[in-house]
Amino acid sequence: MCVLVTRGYPITIDTNKRVEAALISMGTSHIGGYIRALKPLDLYGCIAADKMNLGQWLQNAQHKITYNPLLKRNEDLYQINVSRWVTFERVLEQEE
């Protein structure tokens, strides 16, 4: 599994072959993070971005995004971290 991360700049995908990755483009720039697909996108993984910006994707093409279940835990687990980057993860001490 490949994880590609930018802090507020675009990630450009320029292939029509399957991409197995988590594409994360979120952050601090004035541009805002987004994914740019120059060819029909076949993604097996996930996208986390400040905005979708579909105008930057190849038009009149069929794009396919399939969520990779390896990215999900078997059990719910959440916690909160306070830092420049905020994440949320819930921790359960007992079954709900």
N, C-alpha and C. Protein backbone atom coordinates (compact mmCIF):
# COMPACT_ATOMS: atom_id res chain seq x y z
N MET A 1 0.85 -1.18 0.00
CA MET A 1 0.00 0.00 0.00
C MET A 1 0.89 1.23 0.00
N CYS A 2 0.65 2.10 -0.91
CA CYS A 2 1.38 3.36 -1.01
C CYS A 2 0.50 4.47 -0.43
N VAL A 3 1.10 5.34 0.36
CA VAL A 3 0.40 6.50 0.90
C VAL A 3 1.12 7.73 0.40
N LEU A 4 0.44 8.53 -0.42
CA LEU A 4 1.01 9.76 -0.96
C LEU A 4 0.38 10.94 -0.25
N VAL A 5 1.20 11.83 0.30
CA VAL A 5 0.70 12.94 1.11
C VAL A 5 1.34 14.24 0.65
N THR A 6 0.50 15.27 0.47
CA THR A 6 1.00 16.64 0.29
C THR A 6 0.29 17.51 1.31
N ARG A 7 0.91 18.61 1.65
CA ARG A 7 0.31 19.53 2.61
C ARG A 7 -0.26 20.73 1.88
N GLY A 8 -1.41 20.50 1.23
CA GLY A 8 -2.12 21.59 0.59
C GLY A 8 -1.76 21.84 -0.85
N TYR A 9 -1.10 20.93 -1.50
CA TYR A 9 -0.78 21.05 -2.92
C TYR A 9 -1.35 19.84 -3.65
N PRO A 10 -1.61 19.96 -4.95
CA PRO A 10 -2.27 18.86 -5.66
C PRO A 10 -1.38 17.63 -5.83
N ILE A 11 -2.03 16.48 -5.90
CA ILE A 11 -1.40 15.22 -6.31
C ILE A 11 -1.91 14.96 -7.72
N THR A 12 -1.01 14.79 -8.67
CA THR A 12 -1.38 14.57 -10.07
C THR A 12 -1.20 13.11 -10.43
N ILE A 13 -2.26 12.49 -10.94
CA ILE A 13 -2.22 11.11 -11.42
C ILE A 13 -2.29 11.18 -12.94
N ASP A 14 -1.26 10.64 -13.60
CA ASP A 14 -1.16 10.71 -15.06
C ASP A 14 -0.99 9.31 -15.64
N THR A 15 -1.90 8.41 -15.28
CA THR A 15 -1.90 7.05 -15.82
C THR A 15 -3.33 6.55 -15.84
N ASN A 16 -3.61 5.63 -16.75
CA ASN A 16 -4.92 4.99 -16.73
C ASN A 16 -4.83 3.59 -16.13
N LYS A 17 -3.65 3.21 -15.63
CA LYS A 17 -3.48 1.94 -14.94
C LYS A 17 -4.00 2.07 -13.51
N ARG A 18 -4.30 0.94 -12.88
CA ARG A 18 -4.80 0.96 -11.51
C ARG A 18 -3.74 1.52 -10.57
N VAL A 19 -4.17 2.42 -9.71
CA VAL A 19 -3.31 3.00 -8.67
C VAL A 19 -3.81 2.45 -7.34
N GLU A 20 -2.93 1.77 -6.60
CA GLU A 20 -3.28 1.24 -5.28
C GLU A 20 -2.61 2.12 -4.25
N ALA A 21 -3.37 3.09 -3.72
CA ALA A 21 -2.76 4.07 -2.82
C ALA A 21 -3.83 4.82 -2.04
N ALA A 22 -3.37 5.42 -0.96
CA ALA A 22 -4.15 6.43 -0.25
C ALA A 22 -3.60 7.77 -0.71
N LEU A 23 -4.45 8.60 -1.30
CA LEU A 23 -4.04 9.91 -1.80
C LEU A 23 -4.53 10.96 -0.82
N ILE A 24 -3.61 11.61 -0.13
CA ILE A 24 -3.96 12.58 0.91
C ILE A 24 -3.36 13.92 0.55
N SER A 25 -4.21 14.89 0.29
CA SER A 25 -3.76 16.23 -0.08
C SER A 25 -4.55 17.24 0.74
N MET A 26 -4.04 17.52 1.90
CA MET A 26 -4.71 18.43 2.83
C MET A 26 -3.65 19.30 3.48
N GLY A 27 -4.01 20.53 3.79
CA GLY A 27 -3.00 21.26 4.49
C GLY A 27 -3.09 22.75 4.50
N THR A 28 -1.91 23.36 4.49
CA THR A 28 -1.78 24.74 4.90
C THR A 28 -1.60 25.74 3.78
N SER A 29 -1.48 25.32 2.54
CA SER A 29 -1.21 26.30 1.48
C SER A 29 -2.47 27.08 1.12
N HIS A 30 -2.28 28.18 0.42
CA HIS A 30 -3.41 28.99 -0.05
C HIS A 30 -4.17 28.30 -1.18
N ILE A 31 -3.54 27.32 -1.81
CA ILE A 31 -4.16 26.60 -2.93
C ILE A 31 -5.22 25.62 -2.43
N GLY A 32 -4.92 24.94 -1.35
CA GLY A 32 -5.80 23.87 -0.87
C GLY A 32 -5.46 22.58 -1.59
N GLY A 33 -5.57 21.49 -0.88
CA GLY A 33 -5.20 20.20 -1.46
C GLY A 33 -6.31 19.61 -2.31
N TYR A 34 -5.91 18.98 -3.41
CA TYR A 34 -6.86 18.28 -4.26
C TYR A 34 -6.11 17.26 -5.11
N ILE A 35 -6.86 16.40 -5.77
CA ILE A 35 -6.30 15.38 -6.66
C ILE A 35 -6.59 15.81 -8.09
N ARG A 36 -5.61 15.65 -8.97
CA ARG A 36 -5.77 15.97 -10.39
C ARG A 36 -5.58 14.67 -11.17
N ALA A 37 -6.60 14.27 -11.95
CA ALA A 37 -6.53 13.05 -12.76
C ALA A 37 -6.47 13.46 -14.23
N LEU A 38 -5.32 13.25 -14.87
CA LEU A 38 -5.14 13.64 -16.26
C LEU A 38 -5.62 12.58 -17.24
N LYS A 39 -5.82 11.36 -16.74
CA LYS A 39 -6.34 10.24 -17.53
C LYS A 39 -7.43 9.58 -16.70
N PRO A 40 -8.22 8.66 -17.28
CA PRO A 40 -9.26 8.01 -16.48
C PRO A 40 -8.64 7.35 -15.23
N LEU A 41 -9.13 7.75 -14.07
CA LEU A 41 -8.56 7.30 -12.80
C LEU A 41 -9.19 5.98 -12.39
N ASP A 42 -8.33 4.99 -12.06
CA ASP A 42 -8.76 3.72 -11.48
C ASP A 42 -8.02 3.58 -10.16
N LEU A 43 -8.63 4.05 -9.08
CA LEU A 43 -7.98 4.09 -7.77
C LEU A 43 -8.55 3.00 -6.87
N TYR A 44 -7.65 2.21 -6.28
CA TYR A 44 -8.02 1.23 -5.25
C TYR A 44 -7.33 1.70 -3.98
N GLY A 45 -8.07 2.36 -3.12
CA GLY A 45 -7.50 2.96 -1.92
C GLY A 45 -8.46 3.96 -1.34
N CYS A 46 -8.02 5.21 -1.23
CA CYS A 46 -8.91 6.26 -0.72
C CYS A 46 -8.36 7.62 -1.09
N ILE A 47 -9.23 8.62 -0.95
CA ILE A 47 -8.86 10.02 -1.17
C ILE A 47 -9.26 10.81 0.07
N ALA A 48 -8.34 11.63 0.55
CA ALA A 48 -8.64 12.64 1.57
C ALA A 48 -8.06 13.94 1.03
N ALA A 49 -8.93 14.93 0.81
CA ALA A 49 -8.46 16.18 0.21
C ALA A 49 -9.28 17.34 0.75
N ASP A 50 -8.69 18.54 0.69
CA ASP A 50 -9.41 19.74 1.10
C ASP A 50 -10.63 19.97 0.21
N LYS A 51 -10.49 19.68 -1.08
CA LYS A 51 -11.60 19.84 -2.02
C LYS A 51 -11.44 18.84 -3.15
N MET A 52 -12.55 18.46 -3.79
CA MET A 52 -12.47 17.49 -4.88
C MET A 52 -11.95 18.13 -6.16
N ASN A 53 -12.35 19.34 -6.47
CA ASN A 53 -11.86 20.07 -7.64
C ASN A 53 -11.94 19.22 -8.92
N LEU A 54 -13.13 18.71 -9.21
CA LEU A 54 -13.31 17.81 -10.36
C LEU A 54 -13.04 18.48 -11.69
N GLY A 55 -12.96 19.79 -11.72
CA GLY A 55 -12.58 20.48 -12.95
C GLY A 55 -11.15 20.16 -13.37
N GLN A 56 -10.35 19.63 -12.45
CA GLN A 56 -8.98 19.24 -12.74
C GLN A 56 -8.87 17.77 -13.16
N TRP A 57 -10.01 17.08 -13.28
CA TRP A 57 -10.02 15.68 -13.71
C TRP A 57 -10.34 15.64 -15.20
N LEU A 58 -9.84 14.63 -15.89
CA LEU A 58 -10.15 14.44 -17.30
C LEU A 58 -11.67 14.42 -17.48
N GLN A 59 -12.17 15.25 -18.36
CA GLN A 59 -13.61 15.36 -18.60
C GLN A 59 -14.08 14.26 -19.55
N ASN A 60 -15.36 13.91 -19.46
CA ASN A 60 -15.98 12.90 -20.32
C ASN A 60 -15.26 11.56 -20.24
N ALA A 61 -14.78 11.22 -19.06
CA ALA A 61 -14.11 9.94 -18.83
C ALA A 61 -14.76 9.27 -17.63
N GLN A 62 -14.68 7.95 -17.59
CA GLN A 62 -15.21 7.22 -16.44
C GLN A 62 -14.08 7.01 -15.44
N HIS A 63 -14.20 7.62 -14.28
CA HIS A 63 -13.23 7.46 -13.20
C HIS A 63 -13.80 6.46 -12.20
N LYS A 64 -12.92 5.61 -11.66
CA LYS A 64 -13.36 4.57 -10.73
C LYS A 64 -12.54 4.66 -9.45
N ILE A 65 -13.24 4.80 -8.32
CA ILE A 65 -12.58 4.82 -7.01
C ILE A 65 -13.19 3.69 -6.19
N THR A 66 -12.35 2.74 -5.79
CA THR A 66 -12.77 1.61 -4.97
C THR A 66 -12.05 1.69 -3.64
N TYR A 67 -12.82 1.71 -2.55
CA TYR A 67 -12.23 1.81 -1.21
C TYR A 67 -11.53 0.50 -0.86
N ASN A 68 -10.29 0.58 -0.39
CA ASN A 68 -9.54 -0.59 0.03
C ASN A 68 -9.89 -0.89 1.49
N PRO A 69 -10.53 -2.03 1.78
CA PRO A 69 -10.94 -2.33 3.16
C PRO A 69 -9.76 -2.51 4.12
N LEU A 70 -8.54 -2.67 3.62
CA LEU A 70 -7.39 -2.74 4.51
C LEU A 70 -7.18 -1.43 5.27
N LEU A 71 -7.78 -0.35 4.80
CA LEU A 71 -7.65 0.94 5.45
C LEU A 71 -8.58 1.10 6.64
N LYS A 72 -9.44 0.13 6.89
CA LYS A 72 -10.37 0.19 8.02
C LYS A 72 -9.98 -0.86 9.06
N ARG A 73 -10.00 -0.45 10.32
CA ARG A 73 -9.73 -1.39 11.41
C ARG A 73 -10.91 -2.35 11.57
N ASN A 74 -10.64 -3.49 12.21
CA ASN A 74 -11.71 -4.43 12.51
C ASN A 74 -12.61 -3.94 13.63
N GLU A 75 -12.07 -3.08 14.50
CA GLU A 75 -12.86 -2.55 15.61
C GLU A 75 -12.80 -1.03 15.58
N ASP A 76 -13.82 -0.40 16.14
CA ASP A 76 -13.84 1.05 16.24
C ASP A 76 -12.82 1.49 17.28
N LEU A 77 -12.02 2.47 16.94
CA LEU A 77 -11.00 2.99 17.85
C LEU A 77 -10.81 4.46 17.52
N TYR A 78 -11.11 5.34 18.48
CA TYR A 78 -11.04 6.78 18.24
C TYR A 78 -10.27 7.46 19.37
N GLN A 79 -9.57 8.51 19.06
CA GLN A 79 -8.92 9.35 20.07
C GLN A 79 -8.73 10.73 19.47
N ILE A 80 -8.50 11.71 20.32
CA ILE A 80 -8.30 13.08 19.87
C ILE A 80 -6.87 13.50 20.19
N ASN A 81 -6.19 14.08 19.22
CA ASN A 81 -4.86 14.65 19.41
C ASN A 81 -4.96 16.15 19.15
N VAL A 82 -4.37 16.95 20.02
CA VAL A 82 -4.37 18.39 19.82
C VAL A 82 -2.96 18.78 19.38
N SER A 83 -2.87 19.28 18.16
CA SER A 83 -1.58 19.67 17.60
C SER A 83 -1.86 20.56 16.39
N ARG A 84 -0.82 20.90 15.65
CA ARG A 84 -1.03 21.66 14.42
C ARG A 84 -1.94 20.90 13.47
N TRP A 85 -1.79 19.59 13.45
CA TRP A 85 -2.64 18.73 12.63
C TRP A 85 -3.61 18.04 13.56
N VAL A 86 -4.88 18.21 13.35
CA VAL A 86 -5.89 17.64 14.23
C VAL A 86 -6.36 16.31 13.64
N THR A 87 -6.35 15.28 14.48
CA THR A 87 -6.90 13.99 14.09
C THR A 87 -7.90 13.57 15.15
N PHE A 88 -8.82 12.70 14.78
CA PHE A 88 -9.82 12.22 15.71
C PHE A 88 -9.85 10.70 15.64
N GLU A 89 -9.70 10.06 16.78
CA GLU A 89 -9.77 8.61 16.85
C GLU A 89 -10.47 8.26 18.16
N ARG A 90 -11.54 7.50 18.09
CA ARG A 90 -12.34 7.18 19.27
C ARG A 90 -11.87 5.88 19.89
N VAL A 91 -11.63 5.87 21.20
CA VAL A 91 -11.18 4.68 21.92
C VAL A 91 -12.34 4.19 22.77
N LEU A 92 -12.74 2.96 22.57
CA LEU A 92 -13.82 2.37 23.36
C LEU A 92 -13.23 1.42 24.39
N GLU A 93 -13.66 1.58 25.64
CA GLU A 93 -13.20 0.68 26.69
C GLU A 93 -14.10 -0.53 26.82
N GLN A 94 -15.27 -0.47 26.21
CA GLN A 94 -16.20 -1.59 26.26
C GLN A 94 -16.98 -1.63 24.96
N GLU A 95 -17.62 -2.76 24.72
CA GLU A 95 -18.44 -2.91 23.52
C GLU A 95 -19.62 -1.96 23.57
N GLU A 96 -20.02 -1.44 22.44
CA GLU A 96 -21.22 -0.58 22.39
C GLU A 96 -22.45 -1.42 22.21
